[in-house]
PDB file of N, CA and C in Angstrom:
ATOM      1  N   MET A   1     -64.024 -73.509  23.059  1.00  0.00           N
ATOM      2  CA  MET A   1     -63.125 -74.331  23.807  1.00  0.00           C
ATOM      3  C   MET A   1     -63.952 -74.820  25.026  1.00  0.00           C
ATOM      4  N   THR A   2     -63.904 -76.043  25.247  1.00  0.00           N
ATOM      5  CA  THR A   2     -64.599 -76.584  26.622  1.00  0.00           C
ATOM      6  C   THR A   2     -63.590 -77.065  27.484  1.00  0.00           C
ATOM      7  N   THR A   3     -63.827 -76.987  28.688  1.00  0.00           N
ATOM      8  CA  THR A   3     -63.023 -77.386  29.743  1.00  0.00           C
ATOM      9  C   THR A   3     -63.730 -78.419  30.623  1.00  0.00           C
ATOM     10  N   HIS A   4     -63.205 -79.626  30.778  1.00  0.00           N
ATOM     11  CA  HIS A   4     -63.888 -80.818  31.482  1.00  0.00           C
ATOM     12  C   HIS A   4     -63.437 -80.864  32.844  1.00  0.00           C
ATOM     13  N   ALA A   5     -64.163 -81.213  33.808  1.00  0.00           N
ATOM     14  CA  ALA A   5     -63.910 -81.448  35.208  1.00  0.00           C
ATOM     15  C   ALA A   5     -63.699 -80.261  35.968  1.00  0.00           C
ATOM     16  N   ALA A   6     -63.939 -80.209  37.136  1.00  0.00           N
ATOM     17  CA  ALA A   6     -63.583 -79.148  38.116  1.00  0.00           C
ATOM     18  C   ALA A   6     -62.087 -78.811  38.230  1.00  0.00           C
ATOM     19  N   ILE A   7     -61.819 -77.686  38.486  1.00  0.00           N
ATOM     20  CA  ILE A   7     -60.481 -77.172  38.428  1.00  0.00           C
ATOM     21  C   ILE A   7     -60.166 -76.809  39.940  1.00  0.00           C
ATOM     22  N   ASP A   8     -59.123 -77.490  40.529  1.00  0.00           N
ATOM     23  CA  ASP A   8     -58.500 -77.220  41.649  1.00  0.00           C
ATOM     24  C   ASP A   8     -57.926 -75.879  41.591  1.00  0.00           C
ATOM     25  N   PRO A   9     -58.065 -74.816  42.572  1.00  0.00           N
ATOM     26  CA  PRO A   9     -57.341 -73.451  42.452  1.00  0.00           C
ATOM     27  C   PRO A   9     -55.800 -73.627  42.387  1.00  0.00           C
ATOM     28  N   VAL A  10     -55.345 -74.812  42.991  1.00  0.00           N
ATOM     29  CA  VAL A  10     -53.684 -74.943  42.946  1.00  0.00           C
ATOM     30  C   VAL A  10     -53.369 -74.995  41.397  1.00  0.00           C
ATOM     31  N   HIS A  11     -54.355 -75.549  40.499  1.00  0.00           N
ATOM     32  CA  HIS A  11     -53.901 -75.828  39.078  1.00  0.00           C
ATOM     33  C   HIS A  11     -54.333 -74.605  38.290  1.00  0.00           C
ATOM     34  N   ASP A  12     -54.526 -73.528  38.812  1.00  0.00           N
ATOM     35  CA  ASP A  12     -54.941 -72.350  38.001  1.00  0.00           C
ATOM     36  C   ASP A  12     -53.834 -71.990  36.917  1.00  0.00           C
ATOM     37  N   ARG A  13     -52.490 -71.939  37.531  1.00  0.00           N
ATOM     38  CA  ARG A  13     -51.436 -71.583  36.562  1.00  0.00           C
ATOM     39  C   ARG A  13     -51.252 -72.660  35.406  1.00  0.00           C
ATOM     40  N   ASP A  14     -51.409 -73.894  35.826  1.00  0.00           N
ATOM     41  CA  ASP A  14     -51.360 -74.979  34.811  1.00  0.00           C
ATOM     42  C   ASP A  14     -52.420 -74.840  33.937  1.00  0.00           C
ATOM     43  N   ARG A  15     -53.646 -74.612  34.404  1.00  0.00           N
ATOM     44  CA  ARG A  15     -54.761 -74.399  33.448  1.00  0.00           C
ATOM     45  C   ARG A  15     -54.635 -73.159  32.484  1.00  0.00           C
ATOM     46  N   ALA A  16     -54.066 -72.111  33.080  1.00  0.00           N
ATOM     47  CA  ALA A  16     -53.813 -70.821  32.213  1.00  0.00           C
ATOM     48  C   ALA A  16     -52.804 -71.308  30.978  1.00  0.00           C
ATOM     49  N   GLU A  17     -51.702 -72.063  31.337  1.00  0.00           N
ATOM     50  CA  GLU A  17     -50.804 -72.445  30.290  1.00  0.00           C
ATOM     51  C   GLU A  17     -51.480 -73.360  29.364  1.00  0.00           C
ATOM     52  N   ALA A  18     -52.262 -74.341  29.727  1.00  0.00           N
ATOM     53  CA  ALA A  18     -52.997 -75.124  28.736  1.00  0.00           C
ATOM     54  C   ALA A  18     -53.879 -74.234  27.942  1.00  0.00           C
ATOM     55  N   GLU A  19     -54.533 -73.248  28.478  1.00  0.00           N
ATOM     56  CA  GLU A  19     -55.432 -72.510  27.740  1.00  0.00           C
ATOM     57  C   GLU A  19     -54.575 -71.693  26.659  1.00  0.00           C
ATOM     58  N   ASP A  20     -53.499 -71.099  27.071  1.00  0.00           N
ATOM     59  CA  ASP A  20     -52.595 -70.332  26.262  1.00  0.00           C
ATOM     60  C   ASP A  20     -52.206 -71.183  25.044  1.00  0.00           C
ATOM     61  N   ALA A  21     -51.725 -72.488  25.352  1.00  0.00           N
ATOM     62  CA  ALA A  21     -51.298 -73.330  24.409  1.00  0.00           C
ATOM     63  C   ALA A  21     -52.419 -73.730  23.407  1.00  0.00           C
ATOM     64  N   ALA A  22     -53.657 -73.983  24.001  1.00  0.00           N
ATOM     65  CA  ALA A  22     -54.754 -74.334  22.933  1.00  0.00           C
ATOM     66  C   ALA A  22     -55.119 -73.154  22.115  1.00  0.00           C
ATOM     67  N   ARG A  23     -54.981 -71.942  22.761  1.00  0.00           N
ATOM     68  CA  ARG A  23     -55.328 -70.841  21.850  1.00  0.00           C
ATOM     69  C   ARG A  23     -54.361 -70.577  20.735  1.00  0.00           C
ATOM     70  N   ALA A  24     -52.952 -70.903  21.065  1.00  0.00           N
ATOM     71  CA  ALA A  24     -51.949 -70.770  20.105  1.00  0.00           C
ATOM     72  C   ALA A  24     -52.187 -71.833  18.946  1.00  0.00           C
ATOM     73  N   VAL A  25     -52.595 -72.980  19.347  1.00  0.00           N
ATOM     74  CA  VAL A  25     -52.930 -74.035  18.395  1.00  0.00           C
ATOM     75  C   VAL A  25     -54.087 -73.532  17.442  1.00  0.00           C
ATOM     76  N   ALA A  26     -55.018 -73.127  18.110  1.00  0.00           N
ATOM     77  CA  ALA A  26     -56.346 -72.805  17.319  1.00  0.00           C
ATOM     78  C   ALA A  26     -55.974 -71.573  16.475  1.00  0.00           C
ATOM     79  N   HIS A  27     -55.215 -70.553  16.899  1.00  0.00           N
ATOM     80  CA  HIS A  27     -54.968 -69.402  16.104  1.00  0.00           C
ATOM     81  C   HIS A  27     -54.199 -70.046  14.835  1.00  0.00           C
ATOM     82  N   GLN A  28     -53.260 -70.910  14.907  1.00  0.00           N
ATOM     83  CA  GLN A  28     -52.342 -71.237  13.711  1.00  0.00           C
ATOM     84  C   GLN A  28     -53.328 -72.288  12.934  1.00  0.00           C
ATOM     85  N   ALA A  29     -54.233 -73.021  13.428  1.00  0.00           N
ATOM     86  CA  ALA A  29     -55.140 -73.775  12.638  1.00  0.00           C
ATOM     87  C   ALA A  29     -55.949 -72.937  11.825  1.00  0.00           C
ATOM     88  N   GLU A  30     -56.566 -71.934  12.514  1.00  0.00           N
ATOM     89  CA  GLU A  30     -57.412 -70.859  11.743  1.00  0.00           C
ATOM     90  C   GLU A  30     -56.520 -70.311  10.463  1.00  0.00           C
ATOM     91  N   ARG A  31     -55.355 -70.038  10.670  1.00  0.00           N
ATOM     92  CA  ARG A  31     -54.545 -69.497   9.640  1.00  0.00           C
ATOM     93  C   ARG A  31     -54.499 -70.529   8.354  1.00  0.00           C
ATOM     94  N   LEU A  32     -54.654 -71.932   8.721  1.00  0.00           N
ATOM     95  CA  LEU A  32     -54.732 -72.911   7.652  1.00  0.00           C
ATOM     96  C   LEU A  32     -56.112 -73.165   7.179  1.00  0.00           C
ATOM     97  N   GLY A  33     -57.085 -72.366   7.636  1.00  0.00           N
ATOM     98  CA  GLY A  33     -58.415 -72.539   7.328  1.00  0.00           C
ATOM     99  C   GLY A  33     -59.088 -73.842   7.904  1.00  0.00           C
ATOM    100  N   LEU A  34     -58.474 -74.250   9.137  1.00  0.00           N
ATOM    101  CA  LEU A  34     -59.027 -75.280   9.891  1.00  0.00           C
ATOM    102  C   LEU A  34     -59.528 -74.883  11.349  1.00  0.00           C
ATOM    103  N   PRO A  35     -60.844 -74.417  11.260  1.00  0.00           N
ATOM    104  CA  PRO A  35     -61.326 -74.176  12.711  1.00  0.00           C
ATOM    105  C   PRO A  35     -61.390 -75.313  13.615  1.00  0.00           C
ATOM    106  N   LEU A  36     -60.859 -75.192  14.791  1.00  0.00           N
ATOM    107  CA  LEU A  36     -60.891 -76.382  15.777  1.00  0.00           C
ATOM    108  C   LEU A  36     -62.069 -76.165  16.696  1.00  0.00           C
ATOM    109  N   ASP A  37     -63.327 -76.498  16.026  1.00  0.00           N
ATOM    110  CA  ASP A  37     -64.471 -76.273  16.637  1.00  0.00           C
ATOM    111  C   ASP A  37     -64.605 -77.347  17.896  1.00  0.00           C
ATOM    112  N   ASP A  38     -63.818 -78.426  17.934  1.00  0.00           N
ATOM    113  CA  ASP A  38     -64.041 -79.402  18.980  1.00  0.00           C
ATOM    114  C   ASP A  38     -62.942 -79.358  20.024  1.00  0.00           C
ATOM    115  N   LEU A  39     -62.090 -78.230  20.009  1.00  0.00           N
ATOM    116  CA  LEU A  39     -61.031 -78.043  20.960  1.00  0.00           C
ATOM    117  C   LEU A  39     -61.459 -78.122  22.301  1.00  0.00           C
ATOM    118  N   SER A  40     -60.811 -78.820  23.025  1.00  0.00           N
ATOM    119  CA  SER A  40     -61.173 -79.067  24.583  1.00  0.00           C
ATOM    120  C   SER A  40     -59.838 -79.205  25.398  1.00  0.00           C
ATOM    121  N   ILE A  41     -60.008 -78.695  26.693  1.00  0.00           N
ATOM    122  CA  ILE A  41     -58.988 -79.118  27.660  1.00  0.00           C
ATOM    123  C   ILE A  41     -59.533 -79.761  28.753  1.00  0.00           C
ATOM    124  N   THR A  42     -58.846 -80.954  29.137  1.00  0.00           N
ATOM    125  CA  THR A  42     -59.257 -81.717  30.072  1.00  0.00           C
ATOM    126  C   THR A  42     -58.371 -81.654  31.356  1.00  0.00           C
ATOM    127  N   ALA A  43     -58.948 -81.459  32.471  1.00  0.00           N
ATOM    128  CA  ALA A  43     -58.173 -81.387  33.717  1.00  0.00           C
ATOM    129  C   ALA A  43     -57.488 -82.612  34.154  1.00  0.00           C
ATOM    130  N   PRO A  44     -56.397 -82.529  35.064  1.00  0.00           N
ATOM    131  CA  PRO A  44     -55.713 -83.703  35.433  1.00  0.00           C
ATOM    132  C   PRO A  44     -56.712 -84.674  36.085  1.00  0.00           C
ATOM    133  N   CYS A  45     -56.553 -85.861  36.160  1.00  0.00           N
ATOM    134  CA  CYS A  45     -57.379 -86.967  36.815  1.00  0.00           C
ATOM    135  C   CYS A  45     -56.700 -87.425  38.043  1.00  0.00           C
ATOM    136  N   PRO A  46     -57.350 -87.200  39.255  1.00  0.00           N
ATOM    137  CA  PRO A  46     -56.803 -87.851  40.351  1.00  0.00           C
ATOM    138  C   PRO A  46     -56.728 -89.351  40.544  1.00  0.00           C
ATOM    139  N   THR A  47     -57.577 -89.939  39.704  1.00  0.00           N
ATOM    140  CA  THR A  47     -57.801 -91.452  39.805  1.00  0.00           C
ATOM    141  C   THR A  47     -57.191 -92.273  38.694  1.00  0.00           C
ATOM    142  N   CYS A  48     -56.618 -91.565  37.627  1.00  0.00           N
ATOM    143  CA  CYS A  48     -56.114 -92.156  36.444  1.00  0.00           C
ATOM    144  C   CYS A  48     -54.758 -91.777  36.222  1.00  0.00           C
ATOM    145  N   ARG A  49     -54.033 -92.063  35.128  1.00  0.00           N
ATOM    146  CA  ARG A  49     -52.605 -91.855  34.954  1.00  0.00           C
ATOM    147  C   ARG A  49     -52.362 -90.413  34.469  1.00  0.00           C
ATOM    148  N   ARG A  50     -53.518 -89.587  33.990  1.00  0.00           N
ATOM    149  CA  ARG A  50     -53.430 -88.310  33.413  1.00  0.00           C
ATOM    150  C   ARG A  50     -53.069 -87.374  34.522  1.00  0.00           C
ATOM    151  N   THR A  51     -51.784 -86.970  34.769  1.00  0.00           N
ATOM    152  CA  THR A  51     -51.319 -86.002  35.813  1.00  0.00           C
ATOM    153  C   THR A  51     -51.384 -84.643  35.351  1.00  0.00           C
ATOM    154  N   GLY A  52     -51.545 -84.306  34.147  1.00  0.00           N
ATOM    155  CA  GLY A  52     -51.596 -82.835  33.797  1.00  0.00           C
ATOM    156  C   GLY A  52     -52.615 -82.612  32.975  1.00  0.00           C
ATOM    157  N   PHE A  53     -52.943 -81.279  32.453  1.00  0.00           N
ATOM    158  CA  PHE A  53     -53.928 -81.027  31.706  1.00  0.00           C
ATOM    159  C   PHE A  53     -53.617 -81.691  30.159  1.00  0.00           C
ATOM    160  N   SER A  54     -54.734 -81.921  29.604  1.00  0.00           N
ATOM    161  CA  SER A  54     -54.475 -82.420  28.107  1.00  0.00           C
ATOM    162  C   SER A  54     -55.451 -81.637  27.257  1.00  0.00           C
ATOM    163  N   ILE A  55     -54.931 -81.564  25.946  1.00  0.00           N
ATOM    164  CA  ILE A  55     -55.644 -80.689  24.995  1.00  0.00           C
ATOM    165  C   ILE A  55     -55.917 -81.515  23.888  1.00  0.00           C
ATOM    166  N   SER A  56     -57.229 -81.557  23.507  1.00  0.00           N
ATOM    167  CA  SER A  56     -57.745 -82.286  22.388  1.00  0.00           C
ATOM    168  C   SER A  56     -58.112 -81.307  21.289  1.00  0.00           C
ATOM    169  N   ILE A  57     -57.691 -81.644  20.125  1.00  0.00           N
ATOM    170  CA  ILE A  57     -57.984 -80.725  18.994  1.00  0.00           C
ATOM    171  C   ILE A  57     -59.305 -81.235  18.228  1.00  0.00           C
ATOM    172  N   GLY A  58     -59.803 -82.299  18.591  1.00  0.00           N
ATOM    173  CA  GLY A  58     -61.016 -82.762  17.962  1.00  0.00           C
ATOM    174  C   GLY A  58     -60.888 -83.620  16.758  1.00  0.00           C
ATOM    175  N   ALA A  59     -62.042 -83.748  16.061  1.00  0.00           N
ATOM    176  CA  ALA A  59     -62.090 -84.554  14.864  1.00  0.00           C
ATOM    177  C   ALA A  59     -61.985 -83.694  13.575  1.00  0.00           C
ATOM    178  N   PHE A  60     -61.381 -84.366  12.527  1.00  0.00           N
ATOM    179  CA  PHE A  60     -61.186 -83.608  11.261  1.00  0.00           C
ATOM    180  C   PHE A  60     -61.880 -84.408  10.202  1.00  0.00           C
ATOM    181  N   SER A  61     -62.602 -83.702   9.250  1.00  0.00           N
ATOM    182  CA  SER A  61     -62.980 -84.355   8.101  1.00  0.00           C
ATOM    183  C   SER A  61     -61.948 -84.880   7.337  1.00  0.00           C
ATOM    184  N   PRO A  62     -61.963 -85.906   6.402  1.00  0.00           N
ATOM    185  CA  PRO A  62     -60.903 -86.332   5.516  1.00  0.00           C
ATOM    186  C   PRO A  62     -60.296 -85.061   4.817  1.00  0.00           C
ATOM    187  N   GLU A  63     -61.077 -84.256   4.266  1.00  0.00           N
ATOM    188  CA  GLU A  63     -60.561 -82.990   3.561  1.00  0.00           C
ATOM    189  C   GLU A  63     -59.615 -82.115   4.489  1.00  0.00           C
ATOM    190  N   GLU A  64     -60.150 -81.853   5.686  1.00  0.00           N
ATOM    191  CA  GLU A  64     -59.385 -81.127   6.663  1.00  0.00           C
ATOM    192  C   GLU A  64     -58.145 -81.834   6.960  1.00  0.00           C
ATOM    193  N   ALA A  65     -58.133 -83.116   7.291  1.00  0.00           N
ATOM    194  CA  ALA A  65     -56.937 -83.900   7.593  1.00  0.00           C
ATOM    195  C   ALA A  65     -55.946 -83.794   6.449  1.00  0.00           C
ATOM    196  N   HIS A  66     -56.309 -83.701   5.157  1.00  0.00           N
ATOM    197  CA  HIS A  66     -55.491 -83.708   4.043  1.00  0.00           C
ATOM    198  C   HIS A  66     -54.840 -82.290   4.130  1.00  0.00           C
ATOM    199  N   ARG A  67     -55.693 -81.252   4.394  1.00  0.00           N
ATOM    200  CA  ARG A  67     -55.165 -79.787   4.430  1.00  0.00           C
ATOM    201  C   ARG A  67     -54.080 -79.775   5.507  1.00  0.00           C
ATOM    202  N   LEU A  68     -54.398 -80.165   6.579  1.00  0.00           N
ATOM    203  CA  LEU A  68     -53.332 -80.306   7.751  1.00  0.00           C
ATOM    204  C   LEU A  68     -52.209 -81.011   7.324  1.00  0.00           C
ATOM    205  N   ALA A  69     -52.309 -82.061   6.817  1.00  0.00           N
ATOM    206  CA  ALA A  69     -51.010 -82.950   6.182  1.00  0.00           C
ATOM    207  C   ALA A  69     -50.303 -82.242   5.297  1.00  0.00           C
ATOM    208  N   ARG A  70     -50.918 -81.411   4.298  1.00  0.00           N
ATOM    209  CA  ARG A  70     -50.253 -80.733   3.311  1.00  0.00           C
ATOM    210  C   ARG A  70     -49.457 -79.576   3.940  1.00  0.00           C
ATOM    211  N   ALA A  71     -50.050 -78.955   4.948  1.00  0.00           N
ATOM    212  CA  ALA A  71     -49.340 -77.753   5.711  1.00  0.00           C
ATOM    213  C   ALA A  71     -48.295 -78.246   6.408  1.00  0.00           C
ATOM    214  N   LEU A  72     -48.290 -79.285   6.995  1.00  0.00           N
ATOM    215  CA  LEU A  72     -47.228 -79.886   7.805  1.00  0.00           C
ATOM    216  C   LEU A  72     -46.028 -80.343   7.031  1.00  0.00           C
ATOM    217  N   ARG A  73     -46.454 -81.042   5.741  1.00  0.00           N
ATOM    218  CA  ARG A  73     -45.273 -81.442   4.642  1.00  0.00           C
ATOM    219  C   ARG A  73     -44.607 -80.175   4.198  1.00  0.00           C
ATOM    220  N   ALA A  74     -45.140 -79.034   4.282  1.00  0.00           N
ATOM    221  CA  ALA A  74     -44.567 -77.884   3.685  1.00  0.00           C
ATOM    222  C   ALA A  74     -43.449 -77.333   4.672  1.00  0.00           C
ATOM    223  N   VAL A  75     -43.555 -77.843   5.889  1.00  0.00           N
ATOM    224  CA  VAL A  75     -42.709 -77.242   7.062  1.00  0.00           C
ATOM    225  C   VAL A  75     -41.473 -78.096   7.021  1.00  0.00           C
ATOM    226  N   PRO A  76     -40.253 -77.595   6.833  1.00  0.00           N
ATOM    227  CA  PRO A  76     -39.141 -78.510   6.842  1.00  0.00           C
ATOM    228  C   PRO A  76     -39.095 -79.358   8.311  1.00  0.00           C
ATOM    229  N   ALA A  77     -38.596 -80.607   8.049  1.00  0.00           N
ATOM    230  CA  ALA A  77     -38.565 -81.568   9.252  1.00  0.00           C
ATOM    231  C   ALA A  77     -37.867 -80.998  10.444  1.00  0.00           C
ATOM    232  N   ASP A  78     -36.767 -80.350  10.246  1.00  0.00           N
ATOM    233  CA  ASP A  78     -35.956 -79.811  11.408  1.00  0.00           C
ATOM    234  C   ASP A  78     -36.772 -78.711  12.020  1.00  0.00           C
ATOM    235  N   VAL A  79     -37.649 -77.992  11.361  1.00  0.00           N
ATOM    236  CA  VAL A  79     -38.382 -77.120  12.096  1.00  0.00           C
ATOM    237  C   VAL A  79     -39.552 -77.674  12.969  1.00  0.00           C
ATOM    238  N   LEU A  80     -39.886 -78.795  12.627  1.00  0.00           N
ATOM    239  CA  LEU A  80     -40.955 -79.477  13.317  1.00  0.00           C
ATOM    240  C   LEU A  80     -40.564 -80.271  14.582  1.00  0.00           C
ATOM    241  N   ARG A  81     -39.170 -80.349  14.774  1.00  0.00           N
ATOM    242  CA  ARG A  81     -38.625 -81.121  15.884  1.00  0.00           C
ATOM    243  C   ARG A  81     -38.718 -80.052  16.933  1.00  0.00           C
ATOM    244  N   PHE A  82     -38.757 -80.618  18.192  1.00  0.00           N
ATOM    245  CA  PHE A  82     -38.802 -79.631  19.372  1.00  0.00           C
ATOM    246  C   PHE A  82     -37.333 -79.091  19.593  1.00  0.00           C
ATOM    247  N   ALA A  83     -37.352 -77.928  19.896  1.00  0.00           N
ATOM    248  CA  ALA A  83     -36.132 -77.160  20.238  1.00  0.00           C
ATOM    249  C   ALA A  83     -35.897 -77.572  21.691  1.00  0.00           C
ATOM    250  N   PRO A  84     -34.652 -77.634  22.163  1.00  0.00           N
ATOM    251  CA  PRO A  84     -34.359 -78.194  23.642  1.00  0.00           C
ATOM    252  C   PRO A  84     -35.205 -77.360  24.557  1.00  0.00           C
ATOM    253  N   GLU A  85     -35.594 -76.219  24.501  1.00  0.00           N
ATOM    254  CA  GLU A  85     -36.358 -75.479  25.435  1.00  0.00           C
ATOM    255  C   GLU A  85     -37.848 -75.865  25.378  1.00  0.00           C
ATOM    256  N   ASP A  86     -38.113 -76.446  24.362  1.00  0.00           N
ATOM    257  CA  ASP A  86     -39.704 -76.924  24.082  1.00  0.00           C
ATOM    258  C   ASP A  86     -39.782 -78.223  24.866  1.00  0.00           C
ATOM    259  N   ALA A  87     -38.880 -79.014  24.894  1.00  0.00           N
ATOM    260  CA  ALA A  87     -38.865 -80.483  25.485  1.00  0.00           C
ATOM    261  C   ALA A  87     -38.968 -80.358  27.076  1.00  0.00           C
ATOM    262  N   GLU A  88     -40.041 -81.111  27.508  1.00  0.00           N
ATOM    263  CA  GLU A  88     -40.126 -81.142  29.026  1.00  0.00           C
ATOM    264  C   GLU A  88     -39.936 -82.438  29.518  1.00  0.00           C
TER     265      GLU A  88
END
């Protein structure tokens, strides 16, 4: 996992939350046999519209994209929707 840009100490909590979320996604992707080798976290940008940390999961081969799509199709649609506490 790579982190881009310098991190302001004020954003340490936000960065830690982004890293926790990225690790959770990476762990679940590993369970599907999809290592997220290009996973990265980008810090907020003071000169553009990105006000928070963003997580990029990288590029997939067509085979990996199909594997991810099959795994997501297997999950009931109501489970994929955000629960009220997940929405921000």
